Amino acid sequence: MMTATATPQKKENSDAADAINLEDRLSILDVGSLPQGRVVGAKSSNYFCFVLETLQELERFKFALASFVINNLRRRYRRSLLGFAWSLLNPICMMIVLTVVFGSMFKRDMTSYGLYIFSGMLPWTFIQTAVLTGSGSIIGFETFLKRVYIPKAFFPLVCLGTEAFNFLFSLVSLFIVAAFVGFKLHTTILLLPAIIGVTFLFAFGLVLNFAIATLYFRDLSHILGVAFQVLFYSTPIIYPIAQLPKSIQGICYLNPIYHFIALFRAVIYEGRLPTALEWSIAIVLTMTALGIAFFVLKRTEKDLVFRL
């Protein structure tokens, strides 16, 4: 009898807590008024002014952004015995499985090959999870978007920020594994912040594009899951691109994610400075993704709420 009555009570308490949490998070989003003479949500018709005004709005919401990211991380590991330690253990376990399976298949040195896979898996996983979770971010937070004015790029950025923190924790696990197996890291890892920054901006462009597209075509989130499974095996993550025929290598170069993986591998695994061409390709891809994302946002911003 006691068990039967305790369960509804716990559910009621949980629902009440969620309701209070919603009101608290809505109050966080009240960040004050816009500059005098500016209508809420109104932006310039000029593309570059639109981008600048959107970035200024996001800057005003920076504390709300941090609150939502922290909340997401807490909710993800709530009631978990190991908590944030899973951010370290998950990539290590995946690396061990892939290293044992494919290292035996390709007859590679397990220590070196493990770090080779790890340095490719981390940026891949970051981009993949950011896109898959971020593609439904506008739909998933429609309660907030319908109740207060929030920049439409805010929630895609929240999802990306959450995955970025997980990515940084995963990098820690990479350094732990490298130290444990005696793999010598080079001073080129000092370039990691710049590479992470470029990758983050590229992922933001993808996430924003797919978040808007999913609002118009709801099946896209399912299609993306299948597409990333296919892309994983067609991206040189578990095998060197040099082992492929020249014709296949050309196809791999058309995969934009490969060029960001190549940057990480250069400074972590190979211990060399990325070439000017490698930097140029990554920067051009990033600017293209962001440019398209803000163009699409400008064209659809006024219509997005009505599509929810």
Protein backbone atom coordinates (compact mmCIF):
# COMPACT_ATOMS: atom_id res chain seq x y z
CA MET A 1 0.00 0.00 0.00
CA MET A 2 2.78 2.40 0.86
CA THR A 3 4.49 1.76 -2.50
CA ALA A 4 1.28 2.35 -4.43
CA THR A 5 0.75 5.76 -2.86
CA ALA A 6 4.38 6.87 -2.97
CA THR A 7 4.76 6.61 -6.73
CA PRO A 8 2.00 9.14 -7.65
CA GLN A 9 3.30 11.44 -4.93
CA LYS A 10 6.80 11.31 -6.42
CA LYS A 11 5.37 12.01 -9.88
CA GLU A 12 3.42 15.00 -8.58
CA ASN A 13 6.54 16.36 -6.89
CA SER A 14 8.54 15.86 -10.09
CA ASP A 15 5.89 17.63 -12.20
CA ALA A 16 5.77 20.51 -9.73
CA ALA A 17 9.55 20.78 -9.78
CA ASP A 18 9.55 20.82 -13.60
CA ALA A 19 6.91 23.56 -13.60
CA ILE A 20 8.94 25.67 -11.18
CA ASN A 21 12.06 25.01 -13.22
CA LEU A 22 10.27 26.17 -16.38
CA GLU A 23 9.23 29.43 -14.73
CA ASP A 24 12.76 29.96 -13.41
CA ARG A 25 14.26 29.40 -16.83
CA LEU A 26 11.72 31.74 -18.42
CA SER A 27 12.70 34.42 -15.89
CA ILE A 28 16.35 33.93 -16.86
CA LEU A 29 15.42 34.71 -20.44
CA ASP A 30 14.10 38.13 -19.39
CA VAL A 31 17.34 39.94 -20.10
CA GLY A 32 16.00 43.44 -20.35
CA SER A 33 14.87 45.65 -23.19
CA LEU A 34 16.47 46.19 -26.55
CA PRO A 35 18.17 49.46 -27.42
CA GLN A 36 15.82 52.44 -27.53
CA GLY A 37 13.75 52.67 -30.69
CA ARG A 38 14.27 49.01 -31.57
CA VAL A 39 11.22 46.75 -31.92
CA VAL A 40 11.60 43.32 -30.33
CA GLY A 41 12.63 40.84 -32.99
CA ALA A 42 12.87 43.45 -35.73
CA LYS A 43 16.07 43.30 -37.74
CA SER A 44 17.62 45.06 -40.69
CA SER A 45 16.90 43.83 -44.22
CA ASN A 46 20.60 44.07 -44.97
CA TYR A 47 22.27 40.65 -44.62
CA PHE A 48 25.40 41.79 -42.81
CA CYS A 49 23.42 44.02 -40.43
CA PHE A 50 21.08 41.10 -39.77
CA VAL A 51 24.02 38.87 -38.82
CA LEU A 52 25.47 41.55 -36.55
CA GLU A 53 22.13 42.18 -34.83
CA THR A 54 21.59 38.42 -34.33
CA LEU A 55 25.02 38.08 -32.74
CA GLN A 56 24.31 41.07 -30.50
CA GLU A 57 21.06 39.43 -29.35
CA LEU A 58 22.85 36.17 -28.61
CA GLU A 59 25.44 38.10 -26.61
CA ARG A 60 22.64 39.59 -24.48
CA PHE A 61 21.42 36.05 -23.75
CA LYS A 62 24.86 34.71 -22.76
CA PHE A 63 23.93 34.13 -19.11
CA ALA A 64 20.73 32.34 -20.11
CA LEU A 65 22.79 30.29 -22.56
CA ALA A 66 25.17 29.21 -19.79
CA SER A 67 22.22 28.34 -17.53
CA PHE A 68 20.58 26.15 -20.17
CA VAL A 69 23.83 24.34 -21.01
CA ILE A 70 24.52 23.59 -17.32
CA ASN A 71 20.92 22.44 -16.91
CA ASN A 72 21.23 20.11 -19.89
CA LEU A 73 24.43 18.59 -18.53
CA ARG A 74 22.91 18.07 -15.10
CA ARG A 75 19.79 16.50 -16.56
CA ARG A 76 21.81 14.17 -18.81
CA TYR A 77 23.75 12.68 -15.90
CA ARG A 78 21.06 13.00 -13.24
CA ARG A 79 20.73 9.88 -11.06
CA SER A 80 23.79 8.41 -12.74
CA LEU A 81 26.26 6.80 -10.35
CA LEU A 82 29.35 7.97 -12.25
CA GLY A 83 27.86 11.25 -13.51
CA PHE A 84 30.23 13.31 -15.65
CA ALA A 85 32.77 10.47 -15.57
CA TRP A 86 30.77 8.91 -18.41
CA SER A 87 32.07 11.70 -20.64
CA LEU A 88 35.52 10.21 -20.07
CA LEU A 89 34.56 6.54 -20.12
CA ASN A 90 32.34 6.49 -23.22
CA PRO A 91 35.03 7.53 -25.75
CA ILE A 92 37.62 5.29 -24.07
CA CYS A 93 35.34 2.24 -24.30
CA MET A 94 34.51 3.02 -27.94
CA MET A 95 38.22 3.43 -28.73
CA ILE A 96 39.07 0.08 -27.14
CA VAL A 97 36.38 -1.76 -29.11
CA LEU A 98 37.33 -0.19 -32.45
CA THR A 99 41.04 -0.66 -31.80
CA VAL A 100 40.72 -4.36 -30.98
CA VAL A 101 38.38 -5.11 -33.92
CA PHE A 102 39.98 -3.06 -36.69
CA GLY A 103 43.54 -3.18 -35.32
CA SER A 104 43.44 -6.97 -35.63
CA MET A 105 41.88 -6.72 -39.07
CA PHE A 106 44.48 -4.25 -40.40
CA LYS A 107 47.33 -5.81 -38.36
CA ARG A 108 48.31 -2.49 -36.77
CA ASP A 109 50.20 -1.69 -33.57
CA MET A 110 47.44 -1.42 -30.97
CA THR A 111 48.93 1.52 -29.03
CA SER A 112 49.57 3.75 -32.04
CA TYR A 113 46.40 2.69 -33.82
CA GLY A 114 44.30 3.35 -30.72
CA LEU A 115 45.44 6.98 -30.59
CA TYR A 116 44.92 7.23 -34.37
CA ILE A 117 41.28 6.19 -33.98
CA PHE A 118 40.79 8.31 -30.85
CA SER A 119 42.04 11.51 -32.52
CA GLY A 120 39.59 10.99 -35.37
CA MET A 121 36.62 9.75 -33.36
CA LEU A 122 36.44 12.76 -31.03
CA PRO A 123 35.79 15.51 -33.63
CA TRP A 124 33.53 13.15 -35.57
CA THR A 125 31.43 12.34 -32.48
CA PHE A 126 31.23 16.03 -31.54
CA ILE A 127 29.91 17.08 -34.95
CA GLN A 128 27.59 14.09 -35.24
CA THR A 129 25.97 14.43 -31.81
CA ALA A 130 25.72 18.22 -32.16
CA VAL A 131 23.88 17.92 -35.48
CA LEU A 132 21.61 15.05 -34.37
CA THR A 133 20.57 16.73 -31.11
CA GLY A 134 20.60 20.26 -32.49
CA SER A 135 18.42 19.44 -35.51
CA GLY A 136 15.42 19.13 -33.21
CA SER A 137 16.35 22.01 -30.91
CA ILE A 138 13.86 24.58 -32.21
CA ILE A 139 11.02 22.05 -32.12
CA GLY A 140 12.06 20.72 -28.73
CA PHE A 141 12.01 24.14 -27.08
CA GLU A 142 8.81 25.43 -28.66
CA THR A 143 7.34 26.10 -25.18
CA PHE A 144 9.92 28.82 -24.61
CA LEU A 145 9.75 30.23 -28.14
CA LYS A 146 5.97 30.65 -27.90
CA ARG A 147 6.03 32.38 -24.50
CA VAL A 148 8.89 34.89 -24.73
CA TYR A 149 10.98 36.40 -27.49
CA ILE A 150 14.21 34.46 -27.93
CA PRO A 151 16.65 34.64 -30.85
CA LYS A 152 15.91 31.64 -33.06
CA ALA A 153 19.60 30.68 -33.07
CA PHE A 154 19.61 30.47 -29.26
CA PHE A 155 18.49 26.86 -28.76
CA PRO A 156 20.64 25.39 -31.54
CA LEU A 157 23.52 27.14 -29.77
CA VAL A 158 22.42 25.61 -26.44
CA CYS A 159 22.58 22.09 -27.91
CA LEU A 160 25.93 22.82 -29.50
CA GLY A 161 27.30 24.24 -26.24
CA THR A 162 26.20 21.12 -24.35
CA GLU A 163 27.99 18.83 -26.82
CA ALA A 164 31.04 21.10 -26.79
CA PHE A 165 31.45 20.56 -23.04
CA ASN A 166 31.19 16.80 -23.54
CA PHE A 167 33.79 17.10 -26.29
CA LEU A 168 36.20 18.92 -23.99
CA PHE A 169 35.76 16.20 -21.35
CA SER A 170 36.46 13.60 -24.03
CA LEU A 171 39.69 15.38 -24.95
CA VAL A 172 40.78 14.95 -21.34
CA SER A 173 40.22 11.20 -21.71
CA LEU A 174 42.40 11.22 -24.85
CA PHE A 175 45.28 12.84 -22.96
CA ILE A 176 44.82 10.35 -20.10
CA VAL A 177 45.02 7.40 -22.52
CA ALA A 178 48.04 8.93 -24.29
CA ALA A 179 49.87 9.33 -20.97
CA PHE A 180 48.91 5.81 -19.86
CA VAL A 181 50.23 4.07 -23.00
CA GLY A 182 53.31 6.31 -23.21
CA PHE A 183 52.35 8.07 -26.44
CA LYS A 184 54.40 11.24 -26.81
CA LEU A 185 52.31 14.33 -27.51
CA HIS A 186 53.98 17.17 -29.38
CA THR A 187 53.90 20.92 -28.83
CA THR A 188 51.59 21.16 -31.85
CA ILE A 189 48.68 20.44 -29.49
CA LEU A 190 48.96 24.12 -28.51
CA LEU A 191 47.04 24.74 -31.75
CA LEU A 192 44.07 22.74 -30.43
CA PRO A 193 42.12 25.82 -29.17
CA ALA A 194 42.19 27.36 -32.66
CA ILE A 195 41.14 24.07 -34.28
CA ILE A 196 38.38 23.57 -31.72
CA GLY A 197 37.15 27.11 -32.38
CA VAL A 198 36.96 26.60 -36.15
CA THR A 199 35.24 23.22 -35.68
CA PHE A 200 32.75 24.74 -33.23
CA LEU A 201 31.77 27.48 -35.69
CA PHE A 202 31.46 24.95 -38.52
CA ALA A 203 29.23 22.75 -36.35
CA PHE A 204 27.13 25.79 -35.40
CA GLY A 205 26.49 26.50 -39.08
CA LEU A 206 25.40 22.88 -39.64
CA VAL A 207 23.24 22.75 -36.52
CA LEU A 208 21.43 26.00 -37.33
CA ASN A 209 20.79 24.92 -40.91
CA PHE A 210 19.41 21.52 -39.93
CA ALA A 211 17.38 22.92 -36.99
CA ILE A 212 15.53 25.23 -39.37
CA ALA A 213 15.19 22.56 -42.08
CA THR A 214 13.76 20.04 -39.58
CA LEU A 215 11.05 22.52 -38.67
CA TYR A 216 9.80 22.36 -42.27
CA PHE A 217 10.56 18.68 -42.88
CA ARG A 218 10.11 16.69 -39.66
CA ASP A 219 11.47 13.42 -41.08
CA LEU A 220 14.88 15.02 -41.54
CA SER A 221 16.01 14.10 -38.03
CA HIS A 222 15.54 10.40 -38.84
CA ILE A 223 17.26 10.77 -42.21
CA LEU A 224 20.25 12.42 -40.53
CA GLY A 225 20.69 9.44 -38.21
CA VAL A 226 20.96 7.07 -41.17
CA ALA A 227 23.14 9.50 -43.14
CA PHE A 228 25.70 9.76 -40.35
CA GLN A 229 25.92 5.96 -40.08
CA VAL A 230 26.79 5.81 -43.78
CA LEU A 231 29.20 8.75 -43.49
CA PHE A 232 31.07 7.16 -40.60
CA TYR A 233 32.35 4.26 -42.69
CA SER A 234 32.98 6.47 -45.71
CA THR A 235 35.11 8.87 -43.64
CA PRO A 236 38.79 7.97 -42.95
CA ILE A 237 38.38 7.51 -39.19
CA ILE A 238 39.26 3.85 -38.71
CA TYR A 239 41.53 3.60 -41.75
CA PRO A 240 44.16 5.92 -43.30
CA ILE A 241 43.06 7.68 -46.45
CA ALA A 242 46.37 6.73 -48.09
CA GLN A 243 45.27 3.08 -48.17
CA LEU A 244 42.38 3.91 -50.49
CA PRO A 245 42.58 4.02 -54.30
CA LYS A 246 43.12 7.50 -55.75
CA SER A 247 39.57 7.66 -57.12
CA ILE A 248 38.08 6.86 -53.69
CA GLN A 249 40.38 9.37 -51.99
CA GLY A 250 38.86 12.10 -54.16
CA ILE A 251 35.40 11.20 -52.87
CA CYS A 252 36.63 11.35 -49.26
CA TYR A 253 38.00 14.85 -49.84
CA LEU A 254 34.45 15.93 -50.77
CA ASN A 255 33.33 15.03 -47.25
CA PRO A 256 33.60 18.33 -45.30
CA ILE A 257 33.92 16.63 -41.91
CA TYR A 258 37.08 14.85 -43.05
CA HIS A 259 39.00 18.14 -43.26
CA PHE A 260 38.34 18.93 -39.60
CA ILE A 261 39.36 15.42 -38.56
CA ALA A 262 42.58 15.94 -40.55
CA LEU A 263 43.36 19.07 -38.51
CA PHE A 264 42.95 17.23 -35.21
CA ARG A 265 45.01 14.29 -36.42
CA ALA A 266 47.80 16.57 -37.63
CA VAL A 267 48.41 18.22 -34.24
CA ILE A 268 47.56 15.28 -31.93
CA TYR A 269 48.64 12.09 -33.69
CA GLU A 270 51.11 13.19 -36.37
CA GLY A 271 52.70 16.00 -34.34
CA ARG A 272 52.95 18.38 -37.29
CA LEU A 273 51.64 21.82 -38.16
CA PRO A 274 48.61 21.77 -40.47
CA THR A 275 49.43 23.08 -43.94
CA ALA A 276 48.08 26.37 -45.24
CA LEU A 277 45.81 24.40 -47.57
CA GLU A 278 44.34 22.39 -44.68
CA TRP A 279 43.64 25.57 -42.72
CA SER A 280 42.18 27.30 -45.79
CA ILE A 281 39.78 24.46 -46.60
CA ALA A 282 38.51 24.27 -43.00
CA ILE A 283 38.03 28.07 -42.77
CA VAL A 284 36.23 28.25 -46.14
CA LEU A 285 33.93 25.39 -45.12
CA THR A 286 33.20 27.14 -41.82
CA MET A 287 32.41 30.49 -43.44
CA THR A 288 30.22 28.76 -46.03
CA ALA A 289 28.24 26.84 -43.39
CA LEU A 290 27.73 29.99 -41.29
CA GLY A 291 26.91 32.14 -44.32
CA ILE A 292 24.22 29.75 -45.53
CA ALA A 293 22.84 29.33 -41.99
CA PHE A 294 22.38 33.07 -41.42
CA PHE A 295 20.94 33.51 -44.91
CA VAL A 296 18.36 30.78 -44.26
CA LEU A 297 17.64 32.23 -40.81
CA LYS A 298 17.07 35.69 -42.29
CA ARG A 299 14.62 34.30 -44.84
CA THR A 300 12.64 32.19 -42.36
CA GLU A 301 12.93 33.90 -38.97
CA LYS A 302 9.49 35.52 -39.02
CA ASP A 303 7.85 32.27 -40.09
CA LEU A 304 9.52 29.84 -37.68
CA VAL A 305 7.19 30.31 -34.69
CA PHE A 306 4.14 29.69 -36.87
CA ARG A 307 5.64 26.40 -38.02
CA LEU A 308 5.90 25.02 -34.46
